[in-house]
Structure formats: structure tokens, C-alpha cells
C-alpha atoms as a PDB file:
ATOM      1  CA  MET A   1       8.548  -1.798   2.555  1.00  0.00           C
ATOM      2  CA  PRO A   2       4.829  -1.730   2.402  1.00  0.00           C
ATOM      3  CA  SER A   3       2.881   1.387   2.147  1.00  0.00           C
ATOM      4  CA  ILE A   4      -0.243   0.080   3.584  1.00  0.00           C
ATOM      5  CA  PRO A   5      -3.307   1.310   5.395  1.00  0.00           C
ATOM      6  CA  ILE A   6      -5.515  -1.391   4.088  1.00  0.00           C
ATOM      7  CA  SER A   7      -9.132  -0.883   3.199  1.00  0.00           C
ATOM      8  CA  THR A   8      -9.675  -4.636   2.933  1.00  0.00           C
ATOM      9  CA  GLN A   9      -7.633  -5.457   6.036  1.00  0.00           C
ATOM     10  CA  SER A  10     -10.612  -6.363   8.237  1.00  0.00           C
ATOM     11  CA  SER A  11     -11.624  -9.076   5.782  1.00  0.00           C
ATOM     12  CA  THR A  12      -8.135 -10.318   4.889  1.00  0.00           C
ATOM     13  CA  THR A  13      -8.351 -13.595   6.824  1.00  0.00           C
ATOM     14  CA  ARG A  14     -11.810 -14.349   5.476  1.00  0.00           C
ATOM     15  CA  SER A  15     -10.678 -13.510   1.949  1.00  0.00           C
ATOM     16  CA  VAL A  16      -7.676 -15.827   2.167  1.00  0.00           C
ATOM     17  CA  VAL A  17      -9.820 -18.709   3.460  1.00  0.00           C
ATOM     18  CA  GLU A  18     -12.470 -18.133   0.790  1.00  0.00           C
ATOM     19  CA  ASN A  19      -9.862 -18.115  -1.952  1.00  0.00           C
ATOM     20  CA  LEU A  20      -8.245 -21.323  -0.735  1.00  0.00           C
ATOM     21  CA  VAL A  21     -11.616 -23.094  -0.477  1.00  0.00           C
ATOM     22  CA  ARG A  22     -12.625 -21.841  -3.913  1.00  0.00           C
ATOM     23  CA  GLU A  23      -9.363 -23.121  -5.449  1.00  0.00           C
ATOM     24  CA  SER A  24      -9.957 -26.550  -3.907  1.00  0.00           C
ATOM     25  CA  VAL A  25     -13.468 -26.705  -5.356  1.00  0.00           C
ATOM     26  CA  TYR A  26     -12.258 -25.578  -8.775  1.00  0.00           C
ATOM     27  CA  ARG A  27      -9.535 -28.231  -8.808  1.00  0.00           C
ATOM     28  CA  HIS A  28     -12.075 -30.921  -7.856  1.00  0.00           C
ATOM     29  CA  LEU A  29     -14.403 -29.810 -10.666  1.00  0.00           C
ATOM     30  CA  GLY A  30     -11.572 -29.444 -13.162  1.00  0.00           C
ATOM     31  CA  ILE A  31     -12.224 -25.723 -13.649  1.00  0.00           C
ATOM     32  CA  LYS A  32      -9.331 -23.332 -14.182  1.00  0.00           C
ATOM     33  CA  PRO A  33      -9.653 -20.633 -11.499  1.00  0.00           C
ATOM     34  CA  LEU A  34      -8.764 -17.009 -11.938  1.00  0.00           C
ATOM     35  CA  GLN A  35      -6.866 -17.102  -8.662  1.00  0.00           C
ATOM     36  CA  SER A  36      -3.437 -18.720  -9.067  1.00  0.00           C
ATOM     37  CA  THR A  37      -2.190 -21.661  -7.009  1.00  0.00           C
ATOM     38  CA  TYR A  38       0.823 -20.663  -4.942  1.00  0.00           C
ATOM     39  CA  SER A  39       3.912 -22.451  -3.752  1.00  0.00           C
ATOM     40  CA  LYS A  40       3.758 -20.845  -0.311  1.00  0.00           C
ATOM     41  CA  ASN A  41       1.792 -17.669   0.295  1.00  0.00           C
ATOM     42  CA  PRO A  42      -1.787 -16.915  -0.703  1.00  0.00           C
ATOM     43  CA  LEU A  43      -2.050 -13.796  -2.845  1.00  0.00           C
ATOM     44  CA  VAL A  44      -3.631 -10.824  -1.105  1.00  0.00           C
ATOM     45  CA  VAL A  45      -4.446  -7.594  -2.953  1.00  0.00           C
ATOM     46  CA  ASN A  46      -4.899  -4.608  -0.675  1.00  0.00           C
ATOM     47  CA  VAL A  47      -5.865  -1.015  -1.266  1.00  0.00           C
ATOM     48  CA  SER A  48      -3.662   1.623   0.349  1.00  0.00           C
ATOM     49  CA  ALA A  49      -5.520   4.780   1.319  1.00  0.00           C
ATOM     50  CA  ARG A  50      -3.586   8.031   1.638  1.00  0.00           C
ATOM     51  CA  HIS A  51      -1.072   7.934   4.486  1.00  0.00           C
ATOM     52  CA  CYS A  52       2.394   9.002   5.544  1.00  0.00           C
ATOM     53  CA  HIS A  53       5.644   7.507   6.820  1.00  0.00           C
ATOM     54  CA  LEU A  54       7.651   9.673   9.240  1.00  0.00           C
ATOM     55  CA  THR A  55      11.060   9.810  10.836  1.00  0.00           C
ATOM     56  CA  GLN A  56      11.317   9.947  14.607  1.00  0.00           C
ATOM     57  CA  GLU A  57      12.461  13.574  14.212  1.00  0.00           C
ATOM     58  CA  ALA A  58       9.235  14.459  12.380  1.00  0.00           C
ATOM     59  CA  VAL A  59       7.102  12.613  14.962  1.00  0.00           C
ATOM     60  CA  GLU A  60       8.712  14.567  17.787  1.00  0.00           C
ATOM     61  CA  ALA A  61       8.241  17.888  15.947  1.00  0.00           C
ATOM     62  CA  LEU A  62       4.554  17.113  15.476  1.00  0.00           C
ATOM     63  CA  PHE A  63       3.740  15.436  18.802  1.00  0.00           C
ATOM     64  CA  GLY A  64       6.464  16.382  21.270  1.00  0.00           C
ATOM     65  CA  ARG A  65       9.939  15.345  22.376  1.00  0.00           C
ATOM     66  CA  GLY A  66      10.358  11.613  22.890  1.00  0.00           C
ATOM     67  CA  TYR A  67       6.903  10.816  21.511  1.00  0.00           C
ATOM     68  CA  LYS A  68       6.301   7.244  20.317  1.00  0.00           C
ATOM     69  CA  LEU A  69       3.623   6.187  17.818  1.00  0.00           C
ATOM     70  CA  THR A  70       0.799   4.074  19.219  1.00  0.00           C
ATOM     71  CA  PRO A  71      -0.207   1.007  17.164  1.00  0.00           C
ATOM     72  CA  MET A  72      -3.934   1.009  16.370  1.00  0.00           C
ATOM     73  CA  ASN A  73      -4.223  -1.781  13.749  1.00  0.00           C
ATOM     74  CA  TRP A  74      -1.515  -4.225  12.759  1.00  0.00           C
ATOM     75  CA  LEU A  75      -1.094  -4.478   9.006  1.00  0.00           C
ATOM     76  CA  TYR A  76      -0.840  -7.588   6.849  1.00  0.00           C
ATOM     77  CA  GLN A  77       2.971  -7.504   6.826  1.00  0.00           C
ATOM     78  CA  ASP A  78       4.365  -8.469  10.223  1.00  0.00           C
ATOM     79  CA  GLY A  79       5.731  -5.613  12.335  1.00  0.00           C
ATOM     80  CA  TYR A  80       3.925  -2.794  10.515  1.00  0.00           C
ATOM     81  CA  PHE A  81       0.945  -0.898  11.873  1.00  0.00           C
ATOM     82  CA  ALA A  82      -1.497   1.939  11.318  1.00  0.00           C
ATOM     83  CA  ALA A  83      -0.938   4.338  14.196  1.00  0.00           C
ATOM     84  CA  GLU A  84      -3.640   5.949  16.294  1.00  0.00           C
ATOM     85  CA  GLU A  85      -2.029   9.284  15.493  1.00  0.00           C
ATOM     86  CA  THR A  86      -3.100  11.378  12.518  1.00  0.00           C
ATOM     87  CA  ILE A  87      -1.884  14.726  11.209  1.00  0.00           C
ATOM     88  CA  THR A  88      -3.014  17.471   8.861  1.00  0.00           C
ATOM     89  CA  LEU A  89      -1.324  17.960   5.487  1.00  0.00           C
ATOM     90  CA  VAL A  90      -1.199  21.503   4.127  1.00  0.00           C
ATOM     91  CA  GLY A  91      -0.787  21.545   0.347  1.00  0.00           C
ATOM     92  CA  PRO A  92      -0.507  24.252  -2.306  1.00  0.00           C
ATOM     93  CA  ARG A  93      -2.728  27.295  -1.849  1.00  0.00           C
ATOM     94  CA  SER A  94      -3.332  26.217   1.770  1.00  0.00           C
ATOM     95  CA  ARG A  95      -5.612  23.337   0.803  1.00  0.00           C
ATOM     96  CA  VAL A  96      -5.568  20.689   3.503  1.00  0.00           C
ATOM     97  CA  ILE A  97      -6.222  17.008   4.195  1.00  0.00           C
ATOM     98  CA  SER A  98      -6.991  16.352   7.849  1.00  0.00           C
ATOM     99  CA  ASN A  99      -6.723  13.044   9.685  1.00  0.00           C
ATOM    100  CA  LEU A 100      -3.856  11.771   7.507  1.00  0.00           C
ATOM    101  CA  ARG A 101      -2.961   8.420   9.016  1.00  0.00           C
ATOM    102  CA  ILE A 102       0.628   7.695  10.060  1.00  0.00           C
ATOM    103  CA  LEU A 103       2.051   4.226   9.457  1.00  0.00           C
ATOM    104  CA  GLY A 104       4.656   2.792  11.787  1.00  0.00           C
ATOM    105  CA  PRO A 105       7.264   2.079  12.737  1.00  0.00           C
ATOM    106  CA  CYS A 106       9.280   5.228  12.001  1.00  0.00           C
ATOM    107  CA  ARG A 107      11.415   5.228   8.859  1.00  0.00           C
ATOM    108  CA  PRO A 108      14.667   6.854   7.740  1.00  0.00           C
ATOM    109  CA  LEU A 109      12.801   9.351   5.500  1.00  0.00           C
ATOM    110  CA  ASN A 110       9.490  11.209   5.400  1.00  0.00           C
ATOM    111  CA  GLN A 111       7.023  10.298   2.705  1.00  0.00           C
ATOM    112  CA  VAL A 112       3.359  11.060   1.956  1.00  0.00           C
ATOM    113  CA  GLU A 113       1.427   8.766  -0.385  1.00  0.00           C
ATOM    114  CA  LEU A 114      -1.656  10.147  -2.108  1.00  0.00           C
ATOM    115  CA  SER A 115      -3.965   9.008  -4.865  1.00  0.00           C
ATOM    116  CA  TYR A 116      -4.259  11.003  -8.072  1.00  0.00           C
ATOM    117  CA  THR A 117      -7.671  12.260  -6.911  1.00  0.00           C
ATOM    118  CA  ASP A 118      -6.144  13.441  -3.617  1.00  0.00           C
ATOM    119  CA  ALA A 119      -3.410  15.268  -5.486  1.00  0.00           C
ATOM    120  CA  ILE A 120      -5.870  17.091  -7.728  1.00  0.00           C
ATOM    121  CA  ALA A 121      -7.943  18.172  -4.734  1.00  0.00           C
ATOM    122  CA  LEU A 122      -4.821  19.558  -3.018  1.00  0.00           C
ATOM    123  CA  GLY A 123      -3.357  21.201  -6.138  1.00  0.00           C
ATOM    124  CA  PHE A 124      -0.320  18.897  -6.291  1.00  0.00           C
ATOM    125  CA  LYS A 125       1.391  17.564  -9.389  1.00  0.00           C
ATOM    126  CA  ILE A 126       2.928  14.369  -8.048  1.00  0.00           C
ATOM    127  CA  PRO A 127       4.893  11.652  -9.837  1.00  0.00           C
ATOM    128  CA  VAL A 128       4.287   7.904  -9.665  1.00  0.00           C
ATOM    129  CA  ARG A 129       7.179   6.468  -7.650  1.00  0.00           C
ATOM    130  CA  LEU A 130       8.161   3.409  -5.681  1.00  0.00           C
ATOM    131  CA  SER A 131       8.328   4.001  -1.942  1.00  0.00           C
ATOM    132  CA  GLY A 132      11.638   5.568  -0.968  1.00  0.00           C
ATOM    133  CA  ASN A 133      12.307   7.143  -4.377  1.00  0.00           C
ATOM    134  CA  ILE A 134      11.455  10.719  -3.466  1.00  0.00           C
ATOM    135  CA  GLU A 135      14.211  12.777  -5.121  1.00  0.00           C
ATOM    136  CA  GLY A 136      12.744  15.724  -7.002  1.00  0.00           C
ATOM    137  CA  THR A 137       9.213  15.196  -5.662  1.00  0.00           C
ATOM    138  CA  PRO A 138       7.026  17.972  -4.174  1.00  0.00           C
ATOM    139  CA  GLY A 139       7.127  18.796  -0.474  1.00  0.00           C
ATOM    140  CA  CYS A 140       4.416  19.902   1.916  1.00  0.00           C
ATOM    141  CA  MET A 141       3.743  21.170   5.431  1.00  0.00           C
ATOM    142  CA  LEU A 142       2.536  18.762   8.116  1.00  0.00           C
ATOM    143  CA  MET A 143       0.676  19.964  11.191  1.00  0.00           C
ATOM    144  CA  GLY A 144       0.304  18.070  14.472  1.00  0.00           C
ATOM    145  CA  PRO A 145      -0.905  18.865  17.974  1.00  0.00           C
ATOM    146  CA  ASN A 146       2.563  20.014  19.042  1.00  0.00           C
ATOM    147  CA  GLY A 147       3.704  21.943  15.985  1.00  0.00           C
ATOM    148  CA  PHE A 148       4.602  21.929  12.300  1.00  0.00           C
ATOM    149  CA  PHE A 149       7.051  19.924  10.221  1.00  0.00           C
ATOM    150  CA  GLU A 150       8.068  21.003   6.728  1.00  0.00           C
ATOM    151  CA  MET A 151       8.862  18.312   4.170  1.00  0.00           C
ATOM    152  CA  GLY A 152      11.114  19.601   1.407  1.00  0.00           C
ATOM    153  CA  GLU A 153      10.178  16.603  -0.770  1.00  0.00           C
ATOM    154  CA  GLY A 154       8.432  13.243  -0.441  1.00  0.00           C
ATOM    155  CA  VAL A 155       4.848  13.571  -1.726  1.00  0.00           C
ATOM    156  CA  ILE A 156       4.218  10.767  -4.244  1.00  0.00           C
ATOM    157  CA  ARG A 157       1.613   8.557  -5.830  1.00  0.00           C
ATOM    158  CA  ALA A 158       2.802   5.025  -5.050  1.00  0.00           C
ATOM    159  CA  ALA A 159       3.420   2.838  -8.063  1.00  0.00           C
ATOM    160  CA  PRO A 160       1.353  -0.380  -7.986  1.00  0.00           C
ATOM    161  CA  HIS A 161       3.656  -3.087  -6.641  1.00  0.00           C
ATOM    162  CA  VAL A 162       3.820  -6.585  -5.224  1.00  0.00           C
ATOM    163  CA  HIS A 163       5.733  -7.615  -2.111  1.00  0.00           C
ATOM    164  CA  MET A 164       7.115 -11.148  -2.009  1.00  0.00           C
ATOM    165  CA  ASP A 165       9.869 -13.226  -0.472  1.00  0.00           C
ATOM    166  CA  SER A 166      12.566 -15.173  -2.321  1.00  0.00           C
ATOM    167  CA  ALA A 167      10.459 -18.353  -2.488  1.00  0.00           C
ATOM    168  CA  ASP A 168       7.609 -16.538  -4.250  1.00  0.00           C
ATOM    169  CA  ALA A 169      10.107 -14.787  -6.534  1.00  0.00           C
ATOM    170  CA  GLU A 170      11.446 -18.191  -7.528  1.00  0.00           C
ATOM    171  CA  PHE A 171       7.918 -19.545  -8.030  1.00  0.00           C
ATOM    172  CA  TYR A 172       7.010 -16.665 -10.361  1.00  0.00           C
ATOM    173  CA  ASP A 173      10.527 -16.536 -11.852  1.00  0.00           C
ATOM    174  CA  VAL A 174      10.917 -12.810 -11.274  1.00  0.00           C
ATOM    175  CA  ARG A 175      13.581 -10.498  -9.841  1.00  0.00           C
ATOM    176  CA  GLU A 176      13.542  -7.262  -7.869  1.00  0.00           C
ATOM    177  CA  GLY A 177      12.256  -4.380  -9.986  1.00  0.00           C
ATOM    178  CA  GLU A 178      10.730  -6.505 -12.715  1.00  0.00           C
ATOM    179  CA  VAL A 179       7.187  -5.842 -13.878  1.00  0.00           C
ATOM    180  CA  MET A 180       4.259  -8.251 -13.571  1.00  0.00           C
ATOM    181  CA  LYS A 181       0.571  -8.057 -14.470  1.00  0.00           C
ATOM    182  CA  LEU A 182      -2.352  -8.270 -12.079  1.00  0.00           C
ATOM    183  CA  ARG A 183      -5.584  -9.646 -13.489  1.00  0.00           C
ATOM    184  CA  VAL A 184      -8.632  -8.669 -11.410  1.00  0.00           C
ATOM    185  CA  GLY A 185     -11.965 -10.424 -11.830  1.00  0.00           C
ATOM    186  CA  GLY A 186     -15.306  -9.361 -10.494  1.00  0.00           C
ATOM    187  CA  SER A 187     -17.922  -6.992 -11.861  1.00  0.00           C
ATOM    188  CA  VAL A 188     -15.365  -4.668 -13.468  1.00  0.00           C
ATOM    189  CA  GLY A 189     -12.594  -7.003 -14.578  1.00  0.00           C
ATOM    190  CA  VAL A 190      -9.335  -5.248 -15.438  1.00  0.00           C
ATOM    191  CA  THR A 191      -5.663  -6.080 -15.909  1.00  0.00           C
ATOM    192  CA  PHE A 192      -2.986  -3.838 -14.416  1.00  0.00           C
ATOM    193  CA  GLU A 193       0.024  -3.945 -16.729  1.00  0.00           C
ATOM    194  CA  ARG A 194       2.757  -2.582 -14.444  1.00  0.00           C
ATOM    195  CA  ILE A 195       2.960  -4.210 -11.019  1.00  0.00           C
ATOM    196  CA  ILE A 196       6.535  -3.728  -9.834  1.00  0.00           C
ATOM    197  CA  VAL A 197       8.196  -6.580  -7.936  1.00  0.00           C
ATOM    198  CA  ARG A 198       9.667  -5.865  -4.491  1.00  0.00           C
ATOM    199  CA  ILE A 199      11.459  -8.758  -2.782  1.00  0.00           C
ATOM    200  CA  GLY A 200      12.330  -8.985   0.904  1.00  0.00           C
ATOM    201  CA  ALA A 201      12.928 -11.472   3.681  1.00  0.00           C
ATOM    202  CA  LYS A 202       9.958 -12.764   5.697  1.00  0.00           C
ATOM    203  CA  ILE A 203       7.476 -10.983   3.421  1.00  0.00           C
ATOM    204  CA  LYS A 204       3.962 -12.199   2.649  1.00  0.00           C
ATOM    205  CA  LEU A 205       2.758 -12.154  -0.944  1.00  0.00           C
ATOM    206  CA  GLU A 206       0.787  -8.919  -1.254  1.00  0.00           C
ATOM    207  CA  VAL A 207      -0.102  -6.449  -3.991  1.00  0.00           C
ATOM    208  CA  HIS A 208      -0.702  -2.790  -3.161  1.00  0.00           C
ATOM    209  CA  ILE A 209      -2.836  -0.508  -5.298  1.00  0.00           C
ATOM    210  CA  ASP A 210      -4.235   2.895  -4.318  1.00  0.00           C
ATOM    211  CA  THR A 211      -7.833   3.956  -3.779  1.00  0.00           C
ATOM    212  CA  ASP A 212      -8.307   5.231  -7.324  1.00  0.00           C
ATOM    213  CA  GLU A 213      -7.135   1.906  -8.734  1.00  0.00           C
ATOM    214  CA  GLY A 214      -9.157  -0.095  -6.233  1.00  0.00           C
ATOM    215  CA  ASN A 215     -12.310   1.836  -7.033  1.00  0.00           C
ATOM    216  CA  ALA A 216     -11.705   1.546 -10.784  1.00  0.00           C
ATOM    217  CA  CYS A 217     -11.713  -2.263 -10.617  1.00  0.00           C
ATOM    218  CA  ASP A 218     -14.366  -2.488  -7.858  1.00  0.00           C
ATOM    219  CA  LEU A 219     -11.998  -4.523  -5.703  1.00  0.00           C
ATOM    220  CA  LYS A 220     -13.674  -6.389  -2.867  1.00  0.00           C
ATOM    221  CA  PRO A 221     -12.277  -8.776  -0.230  1.00  0.00           C
ATOM    222  CA  ASP A 222     -13.487 -11.824  -2.196  1.00  0.00           C
ATOM    223  CA  THR A 223     -12.508 -10.592  -5.678  1.00  0.00           C
ATOM    224  CA  LEU A 224     -10.410 -13.182  -7.488  1.00  0.00           C
ATOM    225  CA  CYS A 225      -7.023 -11.912  -8.598  1.00  0.00           C
ATOM    226  CA  GLU A 226      -4.095 -13.450 -10.467  1.00  0.00           C
ATOM    227  CA  LEU A 227      -0.456 -12.412 -10.813  1.00  0.00           C
ATOM    228  CA  LEU A 228       1.017 -12.974 -14.266  1.00  0.00           C
ATOM    229  CA  LYS A 229       4.608 -12.603 -15.415  1.00  0.00           C
END
């Protein structure tokens, strides 16, 4: 499921409304918009800053026995949140990232998602993986107010991906694991060639890219984007 903290989250509702209004105007004027028309969900493209997903065991090691994460901001996908709690990641040669945000709820495995720039700063060589595919990836040490937790593996750069439900998958004629393209307009228009499809129940249509990718295309809340098969 989503790997989120969302840099455009505060403007998501405004962005969706603006896109829908813009599409209506374009249709009235007979202009082909960059933003696609959707069968159900509006397309949202969000940037995921570095963050981690933790098991309950890891949370208790870092914050104390029986500790529960506290929701700070609810994310675009229902039921998921950025927690108030943050931790410190200790990488190779004792380089650290402090205030690493935890996303909730707890998961069955521990995973840290970094951008390529983050990895270079920490001295990591991390692979590009889908969330949950952590076999053979580097590990790290996490530090919280109550203690340390050592991850034997699980540090990745998240592959760009799109979350959708079965109705959107039918609309785009795609299956789980297939690759789509994301065309981004704006001042630095680019096309991402490998957006991996992830299908789930009760999921809103949402693309995730990391901070390096978001900065490269100058993504803003009102940037027009289009998913292409």
C-alpha cells in the first residue's frame, strides 16, 4: 500500500477541484487537455518524502512497551496517516537523518524509503523496489526516545507507481504489475516511462513519485498530469 508522506497533500482538494473545472472548460472550448478524463477517480500525483513503515515490535522498541502511533495528518488514501512520531536513522559511517517520519498504521515488515539524494548523503547504495520487496536490500539502525531498533534489511528507493482500484484498472485496461507512463506538464514537462500499476480494493487513483522525481519535473499542486498505457 501507499508509501506516502505527501508534499502536495495540503493542496490536494484544491488541485482536484481545479483539474475538474479545467477539464470542463477544455471540453466546452473543444481543446484536448493534458489531464485525462476519468471513469471514477480524479488522478492525483503526490510526492513522497523520505519516511518509514514499522512493525508494532519496532515501534515498542523505539518508543516503549504498548506504544501506539499518534495520527498527525491523514493521507490521501483512507486509513493511512503520517504519525506525530519521528525517529533518527543511522546509516553507514554513522551518518544520520533525524526527524524521519513514521507512516501508520503499523505493517508486517519494517521499511525505510529514501530518495537517491538521501541515499548518497547517507552513504547507502539502495535498489529501486516496490514497497514490500525488501529481500537483499541494505539495513540500518533506527533510534527513538526509548531505544534502538536494528533493521537487517528494508532500505529502498521506492519505484514510481500508481495505486488504483479495479474500476480504474478496467478503464485504463491494465493489470497488477504492468507499466504505464506519466506525462507531466508545467514549466519542466517530462514523461516518466515506468509507473508500476498497483491495484487494490477501495483505493483512490494516485501516483507516487519521490522528492528527486518531483523536483526534476517541478511538480506543483496544479500541474496537469496524464496517465498513459
